[in-house]
C-alpha atoms as a PDB file:
ATOM      1  CA  MET A   1      -3.173 -35.538 -36.760  1.00  0.00           C
ATOM      2  CA  ASN A   2      -3.047 -33.957 -33.285  1.00  0.00           C
ATOM      3  CA  ASN A   3       0.329 -34.318 -31.627  1.00  0.00           C
ATOM      4  CA  PHE A   4      -0.477 -32.358 -28.781  1.00  0.00           C
ATOM      5  CA  VAL A   5       0.855 -33.850 -25.576  1.00  0.00           C
ATOM      6  CA  PRO A   6      -0.108 -32.005 -22.348  1.00  0.00           C
ATOM      7  CA  VAL A   7       2.935 -30.752 -20.086  1.00  0.00           C
ATOM      8  CA  PRO A   8       1.969 -31.260 -16.283  1.00  0.00           C
ATOM      9  CA  GLY A   9       2.322 -27.921 -14.497  1.00  0.00           C
ATOM     10  CA  ILE A  10       0.795 -25.606 -12.141  1.00  0.00           C
ATOM     11  CA  LEU A  11      -2.461 -23.432 -12.414  1.00  0.00           C
ATOM     12  CA  ILE A  12      -2.888 -20.536 -10.252  1.00  0.00           C
ATOM     13  CA  ILE A  13      -6.673 -19.215 -10.297  1.00  0.00           C
ATOM     14  CA  GLN A  14      -7.325 -15.300  -9.596  1.00  0.00           C
ATOM     15  CA  THR A  15     -10.253 -13.877 -11.561  1.00  0.00           C
ATOM     16  CA  ALA A  16     -11.210 -11.197  -8.954  1.00  0.00           C
ATOM     17  CA  PHE A  17     -10.029  -7.541  -9.216  1.00  0.00           C
ATOM     18  CA  ILE A  18      -6.712  -5.845 -10.378  1.00  0.00           C
ATOM     19  CA  GLY A  19      -4.867  -5.588  -7.172  1.00  0.00           C
ATOM     20  CA  ASP A  20      -5.622  -9.263  -6.167  1.00  0.00           C
ATOM     21  CA  VAL A  21      -4.164 -10.592  -9.448  1.00  0.00           C
ATOM     22  CA  VAL A  22      -1.076  -8.471  -8.559  1.00  0.00           C
ATOM     23  CA  LEU A  23      -0.734  -9.790  -5.018  1.00  0.00           C
ATOM     24  CA  ALA A  24      -1.196 -13.356  -6.567  1.00  0.00           C
ATOM     25  CA  THR A  25       1.968 -12.721  -8.503  1.00  0.00           C
ATOM     26  CA  SER A  26       3.804 -13.302  -5.317  1.00  0.00           C
ATOM     27  CA  LEU A  27       3.043 -17.180  -5.975  1.00  0.00           C
ATOM     28  CA  VAL A  28       4.657 -17.192  -9.198  1.00  0.00           C
ATOM     29  CA  GLU A  29       7.947 -15.769  -7.749  1.00  0.00           C
ATOM     30  CA  LYS A  30       7.877 -18.148  -4.974  1.00  0.00           C
ATOM     31  CA  ILE A  31       7.042 -21.064  -6.997  1.00  0.00           C
ATOM     32  CA  HIS A  32       9.950 -20.229  -9.370  1.00  0.00           C
ATOM     33  CA  SER A  33      12.484 -19.415  -6.859  1.00  0.00           C
ATOM     34  CA  THR A  34      12.020 -23.125  -5.479  1.00  0.00           C
ATOM     35  CA  HIS A  35      10.903 -25.111  -8.644  1.00  0.00           C
ATOM     36  CA  PRO A  36      12.668 -23.213 -11.293  1.00  0.00           C
ATOM     37  CA  ALA A  37      11.755 -25.876 -14.138  1.00  0.00           C
ATOM     38  CA  GLU A  38       7.947 -25.937 -13.142  1.00  0.00           C
ATOM     39  CA  SER A  39       5.697 -24.526 -15.671  1.00  0.00           C
ATOM     40  CA  ILE A  40       3.370 -22.187 -14.300  1.00  0.00           C
ATOM     41  CA  ASP A  41      -0.128 -20.978 -15.871  1.00  0.00           C
ATOM     42  CA  PHE A  42      -2.362 -18.144 -14.508  1.00  0.00           C
ATOM     43  CA  LEU A  43      -6.213 -17.708 -14.914  1.00  0.00           C
ATOM     44  CA  VAL A  44      -7.588 -14.245 -14.816  1.00  0.00           C
ATOM     45  CA  ARG A  45     -11.017 -12.299 -16.060  1.00  0.00           C
ATOM     46  CA  LYS A  46     -10.983 -10.651 -19.237  1.00  0.00           C
ATOM     47  CA  GLY A  47      -9.184  -7.468 -19.014  1.00  0.00           C
ATOM     48  CA  ASN A  48      -6.526  -8.280 -16.532  1.00  0.00           C
ATOM     49  CA  GLU A  49      -4.699 -10.371 -18.629  1.00  0.00           C
ATOM     50  CA  SER A  50      -2.259  -7.545 -19.560  1.00  0.00           C
ATOM     51  CA  LEU A  51      -0.823  -7.327 -16.000  1.00  0.00           C
ATOM     52  CA  LEU A  52       0.873 -10.606 -16.644  1.00  0.00           C
ATOM     53  CA  ALA A  53       2.509  -9.450 -19.833  1.00  0.00           C
ATOM     54  CA  ASN A  54       6.159 -10.198 -20.045  1.00  0.00           C
ATOM     55  CA  ASN A  55       6.348 -12.327 -16.785  1.00  0.00           C
ATOM     56  CA  PRO A  56       9.167 -14.662 -17.731  1.00  0.00           C
ATOM     57  CA  PHE A  57       7.962 -17.153 -15.133  1.00  0.00           C
ATOM     58  CA  ILE A  58       4.357 -17.880 -16.582  1.00  0.00           C
ATOM     59  CA  ARG A  59       3.919 -20.263 -19.567  1.00  0.00           C
ATOM     60  CA  GLU A  60       0.195 -19.269 -20.690  1.00  0.00           C
ATOM     61  CA  VAL A  61      -2.374 -16.864 -19.160  1.00  0.00           C
ATOM     62  CA  LEU A  62      -5.812 -18.236 -19.433  1.00  0.00           C
ATOM     63  CA  ILE A  63      -8.745 -15.779 -19.741  1.00  0.00           C
ATOM     64  CA  TRP A  64     -12.180 -16.108 -18.245  1.00  0.00           C
ATOM     65  CA  ASP A  65     -14.642 -13.733 -20.153  1.00  0.00           C
ATOM     66  CA  LYS A  66     -17.190 -12.879 -17.191  1.00  0.00           C
ATOM     67  CA  LYS A  67     -19.162 -10.174 -18.995  1.00  0.00           C
ATOM     68  CA  LYS A  68     -20.336 -12.182 -21.887  1.00  0.00           C
ATOM     69  CA  ASP A  69     -21.888 -15.726 -22.074  1.00  0.00           C
ATOM     70  CA  LYS A  70     -20.204 -15.999 -18.428  1.00  0.00           C
ATOM     71  CA  ASN A  71     -21.391 -19.770 -17.835  1.00  0.00           C
ATOM     72  CA  LYS A  72     -20.906 -20.796 -21.378  1.00  0.00           C
ATOM     73  CA  ASN A  73     -17.524 -19.654 -21.190  1.00  0.00           C
ATOM     74  CA  LEU A  74     -16.981 -21.161 -17.794  1.00  0.00           C
ATOM     75  CA  ILE A  75     -17.821 -24.482 -19.250  1.00  0.00           C
ATOM     76  CA  SER A  76     -15.700 -24.236 -22.149  1.00  0.00           C
ATOM     77  CA  LEU A  77     -12.698 -23.377 -19.928  1.00  0.00           C
ATOM     78  CA  VAL A  78     -13.144 -26.031 -17.634  1.00  0.00           C
ATOM     79  CA  GLY A  79     -12.778 -28.185 -20.697  1.00  0.00           C
ATOM     80  CA  LYS A  80      -9.727 -26.717 -21.903  1.00  0.00           C
ATOM     81  CA  ILE A  81      -7.928 -26.956 -18.149  1.00  0.00           C
ATOM     82  CA  ARG A  82      -8.770 -30.523 -18.165  1.00  0.00           C
ATOM     83  CA  LYS A  83      -7.001 -31.058 -21.174  1.00  0.00           C
ATOM     84  CA  LYS A  84      -3.898 -29.532 -19.868  1.00  0.00           C
ATOM     85  CA  LYS A  85      -3.989 -32.170 -17.136  1.00  0.00           C
ATOM     86  CA  TYR A  86      -2.251 -30.034 -14.583  1.00  0.00           C
ATOM     87  CA  GLU A  87      -0.520 -31.473 -11.569  1.00  0.00           C
ATOM     88  CA  ARG A  88      -1.676 -28.806  -9.282  1.00  0.00           C
ATOM     89  CA  VAL A  89      -4.295 -25.883  -9.073  1.00  0.00           C
ATOM     90  CA  ILE A  90      -3.879 -23.162  -6.521  1.00  0.00           C
ATOM     91  CA  ASN A  91      -7.122 -21.383  -6.258  1.00  0.00           C
ATOM     92  CA  VAL A  92      -6.713 -18.100  -4.311  1.00  0.00           C
ATOM     93  CA  GLN A  93     -10.455 -16.995  -4.457  1.00  0.00           C
ATOM     94  CA  ARG A  94     -13.092 -17.981  -2.089  1.00  0.00           C
ATOM     95  CA  PHE A  95     -16.087 -18.012  -4.597  1.00  0.00           C
ATOM     96  CA  PHE A  96     -18.249 -20.869  -6.027  1.00  0.00           C
ATOM     97  CA  SER A  97     -17.341 -20.478  -9.766  1.00  0.00           C
ATOM     98  CA  THR A  98     -13.657 -20.755  -9.073  1.00  0.00           C
ATOM     99  CA  GLY A  99     -14.357 -23.600  -6.644  1.00  0.00           C
ATOM    100  CA  LEU A 100     -16.233 -25.338  -9.486  1.00  0.00           C
ATOM    101  CA  ILE A 101     -13.178 -24.845 -11.791  1.00  0.00           C
ATOM    102  CA  THR A 102     -10.938 -26.296  -9.233  1.00  0.00           C
ATOM    103  CA  ALA A 103     -12.971 -29.090  -8.460  1.00  0.00           C
ATOM    104  CA  LEU A 104     -13.419 -30.262 -11.999  1.00  0.00           C
ATOM    105  CA  SER A 105      -9.842 -29.583 -13.222  1.00  0.00           C
ATOM    106  CA  GLY A 106      -8.944 -33.121 -12.655  1.00  0.00           C
ATOM    107  CA  ALA A 107      -5.500 -31.885 -10.927  1.00  0.00           C
ATOM    108  CA  LYS A 108      -4.061 -34.370  -8.384  1.00  0.00           C
ATOM    109  CA  GLU A 109      -3.403 -31.556  -6.002  1.00  0.00           C
ATOM    110  CA  LYS A 110      -6.228 -28.923  -5.617  1.00  0.00           C
ATOM    111  CA  ALA A 111      -5.194 -26.222  -2.848  1.00  0.00           C
ATOM    112  CA  GLY A 112      -7.736 -23.417  -1.944  1.00  0.00           C
ATOM    113  CA  PHE A 113      -9.006 -21.782   1.266  1.00  0.00           C
ATOM    114  CA  ASP A 114     -11.749 -23.442   3.294  1.00  0.00           C
ATOM    115  CA  LYS A 115     -14.174 -20.686   2.851  1.00  0.00           C
ATOM    116  CA  ASN A 116     -14.774 -21.742  -0.693  1.00  0.00           C
ATOM    117  CA  PRO A 117     -18.300 -23.471  -0.974  1.00  0.00           C
ATOM    118  CA  LEU A 118     -16.539 -26.339  -2.753  1.00  0.00           C
ATOM    119  CA  SER A 119     -13.638 -26.812  -0.613  1.00  0.00           C
ATOM    120  CA  ILE A 120     -14.913 -30.233   0.053  1.00  0.00           C
ATOM    121  CA  PHE A 121     -13.303 -31.338  -3.186  1.00  0.00           C
ATOM    122  CA  PHE A 122     -10.045 -29.625  -2.434  1.00  0.00           C
ATOM    123  CA  THR A 123      -7.012 -31.743  -1.426  1.00  0.00           C
ATOM    124  CA  ARG A 124      -5.498 -29.108   0.520  1.00  0.00           C
ATOM    125  CA  LYS A 125      -7.778 -26.648   2.505  1.00  0.00           C
ATOM    126  CA  ILE A 126      -6.400 -23.534   4.106  1.00  0.00           C
ATOM    127  CA  GLN A 127      -7.924 -21.146   6.678  1.00  0.00           C
ATOM    128  CA  HIS A 128      -8.320 -17.654   5.324  1.00  0.00           C
ATOM    129  CA  ILE A 129      -8.170 -15.448   8.307  1.00  0.00           C
ATOM    130  CA  ILE A 130      -8.440 -11.844   8.765  1.00  0.00           C
ATOM    131  CA  ASN A 131      -7.533 -10.640  12.326  1.00  0.00           C
ATOM    132  CA  PRO A 132      -6.738  -6.944  12.718  1.00  0.00           C
ATOM    133  CA  PHE A 133      -5.356  -8.032  16.252  1.00  0.00           C
ATOM    134  CA  GLU A 134      -2.782 -10.497  14.603  1.00  0.00           C
ATOM    135  CA  PRO A 135      -2.601  -8.953  11.286  1.00  0.00           C
ATOM    136  CA  LYS A 136      -1.182 -11.125   8.120  1.00  0.00           C
ATOM    137  CA  HIS A 137      -0.348  -9.613   4.942  1.00  0.00           C
ATOM    138  CA  GLU A 138      -2.717 -11.253   1.770  1.00  0.00           C
ATOM    139  CA  ILE A 139       0.415 -12.395   0.513  1.00  0.00           C
ATOM    140  CA  GLU A 140       1.225 -14.439   3.531  1.00  0.00           C
ATOM    141  CA  ARG A 141      -2.301 -15.703   3.503  1.00  0.00           C
ATOM    142  CA  ASN A 142      -1.823 -16.738  -0.085  1.00  0.00           C
ATOM    143  CA  GLN A 143       1.484 -18.504   0.634  1.00  0.00           C
ATOM    144  CA  LEU A 144      -0.056 -20.977   2.826  1.00  0.00           C
ATOM    145  CA  LEU A 145      -1.777 -22.385  -0.228  1.00  0.00           C
ATOM    146  CA  ILE A 146       1.719 -23.642  -1.635  1.00  0.00           C
ATOM    147  CA  GLU A 147       3.776 -23.631   1.590  1.00  0.00           C
ATOM    148  CA  ASP A 148       3.668 -27.451   1.730  1.00  0.00           C
ATOM    149  CA  PHE A 149       5.907 -27.574  -1.576  1.00  0.00           C
ATOM    150  CA  THR A 150       7.726 -24.268  -1.394  1.00  0.00           C
ATOM    151  CA  GLY A 151       8.409 -23.621   2.200  1.00  0.00           C
ATOM    152  CA  LYS A 152       7.370 -20.811   4.584  1.00  0.00           C
ATOM    153  CA  THR A 153       9.635 -18.054   3.105  1.00  0.00           C
ATOM    154  CA  VAL A 154       7.414 -15.264   1.505  1.00  0.00           C
ATOM    155  CA  SER A 155       8.098 -13.662  -2.053  1.00  0.00           C
ATOM    156  CA  MET A 156       7.175 -10.371  -3.074  1.00  0.00           C
ATOM    157  CA  PRO A 157       4.379  -9.605  -5.627  1.00  0.00           C
ATOM    158  CA  ARG A 158       6.164  -8.342  -9.081  1.00  0.00           C
ATOM    159  CA  LEU A 159       5.042  -6.746 -12.417  1.00  0.00           C
ATOM    160  CA  TYR A 160       7.109  -6.666 -15.448  1.00  0.00           C
ATOM    161  CA  PRO A 161       6.900  -3.673 -17.684  1.00  0.00           C
ATOM    162  CA  SER A 162       8.602  -3.803 -20.974  1.00  0.00           C
ATOM    163  CA  GLN A 163      11.525  -1.620 -22.336  1.00  0.00           C
ATOM    164  CA  THR A 164       8.746  -0.279 -24.666  1.00  0.00           C
ATOM    165  CA  ASP A 165       6.715   0.456 -21.654  1.00  0.00           C
ATOM    166  CA  PHE A 166       9.597   2.523 -19.986  1.00  0.00           C
ATOM    167  CA  GLU A 167      10.390   4.366 -23.176  1.00  0.00           C
ATOM    168  CA  PHE A 168       6.480   5.229 -23.523  1.00  0.00           C
ATOM    169  CA  ILE A 169       6.630   7.125 -20.044  1.00  0.00           C
ATOM    170  CA  ARG A 170      10.239   8.668 -20.395  1.00  0.00           C
ATOM    171  CA  SER A 171       8.670  12.086 -21.562  1.00  0.00           C
ATOM    172  CA  TYR A 172       6.869  12.359 -18.154  1.00  0.00           C
ATOM    173  CA  THR A 173       9.817  11.806 -16.212  1.00  0.00           C
ATOM    174  CA  ASN A 174      11.960  14.789 -17.062  1.00  0.00           C
ATOM    175  CA  HIS A 175      11.256  16.618 -13.819  1.00  0.00           C
ATOM    176  CA  PRO A 176      10.686  15.494 -10.390  1.00  0.00           C
ATOM    177  CA  PHE A 177       7.221  14.173 -10.148  1.00  0.00           C
ATOM    178  CA  ILE A 178       4.492  12.303  -7.817  1.00  0.00           C
ATOM    179  CA  THR A 179       1.601  10.552  -9.060  1.00  0.00           C
ATOM    180  CA  ILE A 180      -1.741  10.462  -7.577  1.00  0.00           C
ATOM    181  CA  SER A 181      -4.337   7.836  -8.168  1.00  0.00           C
ATOM    182  CA  PRO A 182      -7.205   9.602  -6.613  1.00  0.00           C
ATOM    183  CA  THR A 183      -9.964   6.982  -7.244  1.00  0.00           C
ATOM    184  CA  SER A 184     -11.511   3.721  -6.392  1.00  0.00           C
ATOM    185  CA  VAL A 185     -14.316   1.399  -7.164  1.00  0.00           C
ATOM    186  CA  TRP A 186     -15.745   1.875  -3.694  1.00  0.00           C
ATOM    187  CA  PHE A 187     -16.650   5.550  -2.375  1.00  0.00           C
ATOM    188  CA  THR A 188     -15.483   4.796   1.198  1.00  0.00           C
ATOM    189  CA  LYS A 189     -12.007   3.578  -0.057  1.00  0.00           C
ATOM    190  CA  GLN A 190     -11.714   7.020  -1.924  1.00  0.00           C
ATOM    191  CA  TYR A 191      -9.992   9.761  -0.035  1.00  0.00           C
ATOM    192  CA  PRO A 192     -12.267  12.708  -1.189  1.00  0.00           C
ATOM    193  CA  ALA A 193     -11.719  14.897  -4.321  1.00  0.00           C
ATOM    194  CA  SER A 194     -11.786  18.203  -2.052  1.00  0.00           C
ATOM    195  CA  LYS A 195      -9.123  16.841  -0.144  1.00  0.00           C
ATOM    196  CA  TRP A 196      -6.974  15.981  -3.077  1.00  0.00           C
ATOM    197  CA  ILE A 197      -7.229  19.509  -4.264  1.00  0.00           C
ATOM    198  CA  GLU A 198      -6.164  20.829  -1.260  1.00  0.00           C
ATOM    199  CA  PHE A 199      -3.279  18.567  -1.130  1.00  0.00           C
ATOM    200  CA  ILE A 200      -2.149  19.290  -4.842  1.00  0.00           C
ATOM    201  CA  GLN A 201      -2.460  23.154  -3.803  1.00  0.00           C
ATOM    202  CA  SER A 202       0.019  22.643  -1.046  1.00  0.00           C
ATOM    203  CA  ILE A 203       2.930  20.856  -3.217  1.00  0.00           C
ATOM    204  CA  PRO A 204       5.801  22.531  -3.660  1.00  0.00           C
ATOM    205  CA  ALA A 205       5.990  24.097  -7.256  1.00  0.00           C
ATOM    206  CA  ASN A 206       9.271  22.108  -8.287  1.00  0.00           C
ATOM    207  CA  TYR A 207       7.034  18.895  -8.157  1.00  0.00           C
ATOM    208  CA  TYR A 208       5.062  17.922 -11.385  1.00  0.00           C
ATOM    209  CA  ILE A 209       1.917  15.896 -10.651  1.00  0.00           C
ATOM    210  CA  MET A 210       0.659  13.019 -12.637  1.00  0.00           C
ATOM    211  CA  LEU A 211      -3.111  11.867 -12.193  1.00  0.00           C
ATOM    212  CA  LEU A 212      -3.413   8.156 -12.610  1.00  0.00           C
ATOM    213  CA  GLY A 213      -6.333   5.883 -13.297  1.00  0.00           C
ATOM    214  CA  GLY A 214      -8.485   3.876 -15.985  1.00  0.00           C
ATOM    215  CA  PRO A 215     -10.632   5.418 -18.663  1.00  0.00           C
ATOM    216  CA  ASP A 216     -13.764   5.542 -16.189  1.00  0.00           C
ATOM    217  CA  ASN A 217     -11.545   7.732 -14.156  1.00  0.00           C
ATOM    218  CA  THR A 218     -11.091  10.470 -16.599  1.00  0.00           C
ATOM    219  CA  ASP A 219     -14.046  12.686 -15.522  1.00  0.00           C
ATOM    220  CA  ALA A 220     -12.820  12.333 -11.654  1.00  0.00           C
ATOM    221  CA  CYS A 221      -9.465  13.373 -12.652  1.00  0.00           C
ATOM    222  CA  ASP A 222     -10.638  16.345 -14.973  1.00  0.00           C
ATOM    223  CA  HIS A 223     -12.486  17.685 -12.222  1.00  0.00           C
ATOM    224  CA  ILE A 224      -9.419  17.419  -9.733  1.00  0.00           C
ATOM    225  CA  LEU A 225      -7.442  19.018 -12.387  1.00  0.00           C
ATOM    226  CA  ARG A 226      -9.562  22.058 -12.973  1.00  0.00           C
ATOM    227  CA  GLU A 227     -10.203  22.770  -9.390  1.00  0.00           C
ATOM    228  CA  ALA A 228      -6.580  22.419  -8.402  1.00  0.00           C
ATOM    229  CA  ASN A 229      -5.823  24.906 -11.154  1.00  0.00           C
ATOM    230  CA  ARG A 230      -2.102  24.438 -11.379  1.00  0.00           C
ATOM    231  CA  PRO A 231      -0.109  24.189 -14.632  1.00  0.00           C
ATOM    232  CA  GLU A 232       2.108  21.521 -13.229  1.00  0.00           C
ATOM    233  CA  VAL A 233      -0.960  18.753 -13.099  1.00  0.00           C
ATOM    234  CA  GLN A 234      -1.536  16.639 -15.942  1.00  0.00           C
ATOM    235  CA  ASN A 235      -4.370  14.000 -16.194  1.00  0.00           C
ATOM    236  CA  LEU A 236      -2.956  10.605 -17.435  1.00  0.00           C
ATOM    237  CA  ALA A 237      -6.348   8.583 -16.777  1.00  0.00           C
ATOM    238  CA  GLY A 238      -6.858   6.422 -19.664  1.00  0.00           C
ATOM    239  CA  LYS A 239      -3.957   7.344 -21.312  1.00  0.00           C
ATOM    240  CA  LEU A 240      -1.520   4.514 -19.814  1.00  0.00           C
ATOM    241  CA  SER A 241      -1.817   0.836 -19.835  1.00  0.00           C
ATOM    242  CA  PHE A 242      -1.530  -1.053 -16.604  1.00  0.00           C
ATOM    243  CA  LEU A 243       2.272  -1.703 -17.069  1.00  0.00           C
ATOM    244  CA  GLN A 244       2.990   1.906 -18.138  1.00  0.00           C
ATOM    245  CA  SER A 245       1.367   3.117 -15.113  1.00  0.00           C
ATOM    246  CA  ALA A 246       3.611   0.553 -12.904  1.00  0.00           C
ATOM    247  CA  ALA A 247       6.448   2.084 -14.976  1.00  0.00           C
ATOM    248  CA  LEU A 248       5.923   5.520 -14.263  1.00  0.00           C
ATOM    249  CA  MET A 249       5.118   4.807 -10.478  1.00  0.00           C
ATOM    250  CA  SER A 250       8.457   3.268 -10.142  1.00  0.00           C
ATOM    251  CA  LYS A 251      10.143   6.383 -11.518  1.00  0.00           C
ATOM    252  CA  ALA A 252       8.095   8.713  -8.984  1.00  0.00           C
ATOM    253  CA  SER A 253       9.713  10.707  -6.085  1.00  0.00           C
ATOM    254  CA  MET A 254       6.385   9.546  -4.392  1.00  0.00           C
ATOM    255  CA  ASN A 255       3.010   7.848  -5.321  1.00  0.00           C
ATOM    256  CA  TYR A 256      -0.138   8.626  -3.266  1.00  0.00           C
ATOM    257  CA  VAL A 257      -2.772   5.974  -3.299  1.00  0.00           C
ATOM    258  CA  ASN A 258      -6.106   4.684  -1.607  1.00  0.00           C
ATOM    259  CA  ASP A 259      -6.586   1.174  -0.367  1.00  0.00           C
ATOM    260  CA  SER A 260      -6.878   0.160  -4.115  1.00  0.00           C
ATOM    261  CA  ALA A 261      -5.030  -1.293  -7.107  1.00  0.00           C
ATOM    262  CA  PRO A 262      -2.373   1.139  -7.690  1.00  0.00           C
ATOM    263  CA  LEU A 263      -1.264   0.501  -3.785  1.00  0.00           C
ATOM    264  CA  HIS A 264      -0.194  -2.836  -5.066  1.00  0.00           C
ATOM    265  CA  PHE A 265       1.311  -1.687  -8.140  1.00  0.00           C
ATOM    266  CA  CYS A 266       3.631   0.073  -6.162  1.00  0.00           C
ATOM    267  CA  SER A 267       4.382  -3.010  -4.007  1.00  0.00           C
ATOM    268  CA  ALA A 268       5.084  -5.097  -7.282  1.00  0.00           C
ATOM    269  CA  MET A 269       7.744  -2.249  -8.557  1.00  0.00           C
ATOM    270  CA  ASN A 270       8.930  -1.586  -5.181  1.00  0.00           C
ATOM    271  CA  ALA A 271       7.927   2.153  -5.685  1.00  0.00           C
ATOM    272  CA  PRO A 272       7.788   4.679  -2.927  1.00  0.00           C
ATOM    273  CA  VAL A 273       4.070   4.918  -1.859  1.00  0.00           C
ATOM    274  CA  THR A 274       1.998   6.668   0.454  1.00  0.00           C
ATOM    275  CA  ALA A 275      -1.383   4.631   1.095  1.00  0.00           C
ATOM    276  CA  ILE A 276      -4.421   6.456   2.599  1.00  0.00           C
ATOM    277  CA  PHE A 277      -6.737   4.249   4.516  1.00  0.00           C
ATOM    278  CA  CYS A 278     -10.191   5.500   4.954  1.00  0.00           C
ATOM    279  CA  SER A 279     -12.982   2.987   5.890  1.00  0.00           C
ATOM    280  CA  THR A 280     -10.808   0.139   5.694  1.00  0.00           C
ATOM    281  CA  ILE A 281      -7.825  -0.544   7.965  1.00  0.00           C
ATOM    282  CA  PRO A 282      -4.364  -1.598   7.724  1.00  0.00           C
ATOM    283  CA  GLY A 283      -4.851  -4.536  10.023  1.00  0.00           C
ATOM    284  CA  PHE A 284      -7.078  -6.346   6.993  1.00  0.00           C
ATOM    285  CA  GLY A 285      -3.822  -7.085   5.606  1.00  0.00           C
ATOM    286  CA  TYR A 286      -3.450  -4.991   2.255  1.00  0.00           C
ATOM    287  CA  THR A 287      -0.772  -2.781   3.154  1.00  0.00           C
ATOM    288  CA  PRO A 288       1.933  -1.498   0.772  1.00  0.00           C
ATOM    289  CA  LEU A 289       5.193  -3.789   0.602  1.00  0.00           C
ATOM    290  CA  SER A 290       7.638  -1.133  -0.839  1.00  0.00           C
ATOM    291  CA  GLN A 291      10.761  -0.548   0.969  1.00  0.00           C
ATOM    292  CA  GLU A 292       9.722   3.175   1.108  1.00  0.00           C
ATOM    293  CA  SER A 293       6.092   3.050   2.145  1.00  0.00           C
ATOM    294  CA  PHE A 294       3.956   5.253   4.466  1.00  0.00           C
ATOM    295  CA  ILE A 295       0.362   4.526   5.858  1.00  0.00           C
ATOM    296  CA  VAL A 296      -2.014   7.454   6.276  1.00  0.00           C
ATOM    297  CA  GLU A 297      -5.201   7.265   8.337  1.00  0.00           C
ATOM    298  CA  THR A 298      -7.222   9.376  10.627  1.00  0.00           C
ATOM    299  CA  SER A 299      -5.915   9.889  14.274  1.00  0.00           C
ATOM    300  CA  GLU A 300      -9.515  10.025  15.598  1.00  0.00           C
ATOM    301  CA  MET A 301     -10.957   6.831  17.442  1.00  0.00           C
ATOM    302  CA  LEU A 302     -14.182   6.265  15.510  1.00  0.00           C
ATOM    303  CA  ASP A 303     -16.496   3.451  16.702  1.00  0.00           C
ATOM    304  CA  CYS A 304     -17.829   3.009  12.776  1.00  0.00           C
ATOM    305  CA  ARG A 305     -14.322   2.360  11.569  1.00  0.00           C
ATOM    306  CA  PRO A 306     -13.866  -0.136   9.927  1.00  0.00           C
ATOM    307  CA  CYS A 307     -17.546  -0.400   8.499  1.00  0.00           C
ATOM    308  CA  GLY A 308     -16.540  -3.528   6.633  1.00  0.00           C
ATOM    309  CA  LEU A 309     -13.998  -5.695   4.911  1.00  0.00           C
ATOM    310  CA  HIS A 310     -14.416  -3.858   1.597  1.00  0.00           C
ATOM    311  CA  GLY A 311     -15.289  -0.461   0.707  1.00  0.00           C
ATOM    312  CA  ARG A 312     -18.816   0.667   0.670  1.00  0.00           C
ATOM    313  CA  LYS A 313     -20.838   2.793  -1.981  1.00  0.00           C
ATOM    314  CA  THR A 314     -21.693   5.543   0.627  1.00  0.00           C
ATOM    315  CA  CYS A 315     -20.758   6.227   4.238  1.00  0.00           C
ATOM    316  CA  PRO A 316     -23.157   4.378   6.540  1.00  0.00           C
ATOM    317  CA  MET A 317     -23.245   7.029   8.818  1.00  0.00           C
ATOM    318  CA  GLY A 318     -23.430   9.763   6.489  1.00  0.00           C
ATOM    319  CA  HIS A 319     -20.521  11.860   7.937  1.00  0.00           C
ATOM    320  CA  PHE A 320     -17.647  10.128   6.119  1.00  0.00           C
ATOM    321  CA  LYS A 321     -15.111  11.189   9.301  1.00  0.00           C
ATOM    322  CA  CYS A 322     -12.832   8.258   8.582  1.00  0.00           C
ATOM    323  CA  ALA A 323     -11.808  10.249   5.246  1.00  0.00           C
ATOM    324  CA  LEU A 324     -12.553  13.966   6.269  1.00  0.00           C
ATOM    325  CA  THR A 325     -10.591  13.780   9.450  1.00  0.00           C
ATOM    326  CA  ILE A 326      -7.339  13.150   7.791  1.00  0.00           C
ATOM    327  CA  LYS A 327      -5.076  16.093   7.746  1.00  0.00           C
ATOM    328  CA  ASN A 328      -3.351  17.521   4.799  1.00  0.00           C
ATOM    329  CA  GLU A 329      -0.265  17.658   6.893  1.00  0.00           C
ATOM    330  CA  GLN A 330      -0.157  13.871   7.111  1.00  0.00           C
ATOM    331  CA  LEU A 331       0.347  13.535   3.404  1.00  0.00           C
ATOM    332  CA  LEU A 332       2.664  16.330   3.093  1.00  0.00           C
ATOM    333  CA  ALA A 333       4.731  14.817   5.653  1.00  0.00           C
ATOM    334  CA  THR A 334       5.811  12.016   3.564  1.00  0.00           C
ATOM    335  CA  LEU A 335       6.778  14.098   0.333  1.00  0.00           C
ATOM    336  CA  PRO A 336      10.596  13.935   0.291  1.00  0.00           C
ATOM    337  CA  SER A 337      11.433  17.902  -0.131  1.00  0.00           C
ATOM    338  CA  TYR A 338       8.545  19.085   1.801  1.00  0.00           C
ATOM    339  CA  ALA A 339       9.638  16.737   4.879  1.00  0.00           C
ATOM    340  CA  ILE A 340      13.203  17.949   4.870  1.00  0.00           C
ATOM    341  CA  SER A 341      12.092  21.753   4.735  1.00  0.00           C
ATOM    342  CA  GLY A 342       8.471  21.959   5.679  1.00  0.00           C
END
């Protein structure tokens, strides 16, 4: 006999990229701070579930496998969600598939952005506005979805590496070190390898340098390692989990990142960070949130920048000046010891 009795709660939906999931954890923090007895579940795409490991405020992580039998898994997922009888579903995405999940969830309250094609079925629709002249951070835009029952104060995103994660990275923290996350899914968001190499060769010898990334970034980091030709550099791409990387970044003297997921890791760990913006701009609302944070971008006025809200596979103009005109000294200026003695 099945004695299962669903416990109504809240479901947060964010099945996009790694950084988007990290930023959406601010909703978990905010809901728990205002409704500590509320049960919170979180839906992610397969591969991102480990980001939410150890989060004390998440009851269950639901997973949607988008790569294999995507539509079949979607139907199965909708059935599972309906059985849980959620009181609220908070959809942070603006795409049809998550709109369908929300519309069919059976939840009494269904909140999402009006740009979602199925927002007509939501009970609460919020405008998602990106205006560089009146910048609003993405966590502030997301917060609007729950403002009706949590208030206007915005909470920070947060990750929860375990004690085992911190023990795993301990051997890398015996000397002063910085991390560099040199890659991005998008070419025009990625500070060029030649510029990273120049930067590494300028860093004082007392710093160890850890190159971070996923398994797909190993070759790119190996190239930088070889060309930099410094014994203090180590390639950790593909060797650390998401939370181990976050733990390591929290111990660094400085973390150098693109406008990509590692930036948001730093925000979630309040780790020192220097974020480099190439084709995208800070006004889009994805800037670092750490107490010690710096933004580096070209000082040249380029008519072609930004060339889009997201990165591109190639520079549309062919010159990539938004990245190549950034000066090495801009990065060095945020390195603690260099800023003092340089």
